[in-house]
Amino acid sequence: AAPPRPSWPPPPPAPGTLALQHASSTQADQLFTVAELLLTRGHVSEAVLEAQKAMRLREPSPDQRALYAYMLFRRGGSLSPSVWEHLSRALNEDPKCERALHYRALMQNPKR
């Protein structure tokens, strides 16, 4: 029997894995761009769906997570627990995330 493989260094990635990760990341960014465009055109439900597709490919950046929280807010019209969860997570990951700070202010004072 072969001796157990040491855990360090980790095994090299499978061929093509890094290229696949990069492609998924690029595709996720493109989906978020489409989602933002749909949101600006008033297609809120479609924007949410595109953002969810992106989030299945990889974890969103704090900026993208804040955008997703705002999409959920626009779709539901309220500050649901899911909206706050995503907004809080964006701010925990990057306390200076301008988009998250902006959307938090908008959602807390929707009449302005």
Protein backbone atom coordinates (compact mmCIF):
# COMPACT_ATOMS: atom_id res chain seq x y z
CA ALA A 1 0.00 0.00 0.00
CA ALA A 2 1.16 3.53 -0.75
CA PRO A 3 2.05 5.75 2.21
CA PRO A 4 -0.51 8.46 3.05
CA ARG A 5 -0.06 11.65 1.09
CA PRO A 6 1.08 14.61 3.21
CA SER A 7 -1.44 17.42 3.51
CA TRP A 8 1.18 20.12 2.83
CA PRO A 9 1.87 21.33 0.26
CA PRO A 10 -1.61 20.98 -1.16
CA PRO A 11 -1.93 19.09 -4.42
CA PRO A 12 -1.75 21.21 -7.56
CA PRO A 13 -5.09 22.24 -9.05
CA ALA A 14 -6.52 20.04 -11.76
CA PRO A 15 -5.63 21.17 -15.28
CA GLY A 16 -7.94 23.96 -16.38
CA THR A 17 -9.30 24.63 -12.87
CA LEU A 18 -7.80 28.12 -12.61
CA ALA A 19 -9.03 29.01 -16.09
CA LEU A 20 -12.51 27.77 -15.16
CA GLN A 21 -12.49 29.82 -11.94
CA HIS A 22 -11.46 32.92 -13.90
CA ALA A 23 -14.17 32.31 -16.50
CA SER A 24 -16.79 31.91 -13.75
CA SER A 25 -15.61 35.10 -12.07
CA THR A 26 -15.72 37.04 -15.34
CA GLN A 27 -19.16 35.65 -16.13
CA ALA A 28 -20.39 36.58 -12.64
CA ASP A 29 -19.17 40.16 -13.13
CA GLN A 30 -20.95 40.31 -16.48
CA LEU A 31 -24.17 39.02 -14.95
CA PHE A 32 -23.99 41.70 -12.24
CA THR A 33 -23.47 44.33 -14.94
CA VAL A 34 -26.58 43.08 -16.74
CA ALA A 35 -28.48 43.02 -13.44
CA GLU A 36 -27.56 46.62 -12.72
CA LEU A 37 -28.65 47.68 -16.21
CA LEU A 38 -31.97 45.88 -15.79
CA LEU A 39 -32.47 47.60 -12.44
CA THR A 40 -31.86 51.06 -13.93
CA ARG A 41 -34.45 50.27 -16.61
CA GLY A 42 -37.03 49.26 -14.02
CA HIS A 43 -36.88 45.50 -14.59
CA VAL A 44 -36.35 44.70 -10.93
CA SER A 45 -37.39 41.03 -10.86
CA GLU A 46 -35.23 40.24 -13.85
CA ALA A 47 -32.32 42.09 -12.24
CA VAL A 48 -32.65 39.96 -9.10
CA LEU A 49 -32.61 36.78 -11.18
CA GLU A 50 -29.43 37.83 -13.03
CA ALA A 51 -27.72 38.70 -9.74
CA GLN A 52 -28.72 35.33 -8.30
CA LYS A 53 -27.19 33.58 -11.32
CA ALA A 54 -23.95 35.48 -10.66
CA MET A 55 -24.00 34.58 -6.99
CA ARG A 56 -24.27 30.88 -7.86
CA LEU A 57 -20.99 31.20 -9.78
CA ARG A 58 -19.04 32.83 -6.97
CA GLU A 59 -19.31 34.95 -3.84
CA PRO A 60 -20.15 38.54 -4.73
CA SER A 61 -17.91 41.45 -3.81
CA PRO A 62 -19.21 43.76 -1.07
CA ASP A 63 -20.23 46.23 -3.78
CA GLN A 64 -22.19 43.55 -5.65
CA ARG A 65 -23.75 42.24 -2.44
CA ALA A 66 -24.94 45.77 -1.59
CA LEU A 67 -26.42 46.09 -5.09
CA TYR A 68 -28.23 42.77 -4.59
CA ALA A 69 -29.62 43.96 -1.25
CA TYR A 70 -30.95 47.09 -2.95
CA MET A 71 -32.52 44.99 -5.72
CA LEU A 72 -34.30 42.90 -3.08
CA PHE A 73 -35.47 46.10 -1.39
CA ARG A 74 -36.80 47.49 -4.67
CA ARG A 75 -38.51 44.22 -5.53
CA GLY A 76 -40.20 43.78 -2.15
CA GLY A 77 -40.62 47.42 -1.18
CA SER A 78 -39.56 46.75 2.38
CA LEU A 79 -36.54 46.21 4.58
CA SER A 80 -36.89 42.45 4.85
CA PRO A 81 -34.46 40.37 6.91
CA SER A 82 -32.85 39.20 3.66
CA VAL A 83 -32.18 42.80 2.59
CA TRP A 84 -30.53 43.60 5.92
CA GLU A 85 -28.58 40.34 5.90
CA HIS A 86 -26.97 41.12 2.54
CA LEU A 87 -26.39 44.79 3.33
CA SER A 88 -24.87 44.00 6.73
CA ARG A 89 -22.64 41.35 5.21
CA ALA A 90 -21.40 43.82 2.57
CA LEU A 91 -20.55 46.35 5.28
CA ASN A 92 -18.91 43.71 7.48
CA GLU A 93 -16.68 42.72 4.56
CA ASP A 94 -15.92 46.35 3.66
CA PRO A 95 -17.03 48.98 6.20
CA LYS A 96 -16.15 51.75 3.69
CA CYS A 97 -18.12 50.25 0.78
CA GLU A 98 -19.63 53.41 -0.72
CA ARG A 99 -22.44 51.60 -2.48
CA ALA A 100 -23.49 49.81 0.72
CA LEU A 101 -23.40 53.06 2.71
CA HIS A 102 -25.40 54.84 0.00
CA TYR A 103 -28.05 52.13 -0.25
CA ARG A 104 -28.33 51.90 3.54
CA ALA A 105 -29.10 55.62 3.65
CA LEU A 106 -31.62 55.31 0.81
CA MET A 107 -33.39 52.36 2.37
CA GLN A 108 -33.56 53.93 5.82
CA ASN A 109 -34.98 57.17 4.40
CA PRO A 110 -36.94 56.11 1.29
CA LYS A 111 -38.89 59.40 1.00
CA ARG A 112 -35.78 61.44 0.22
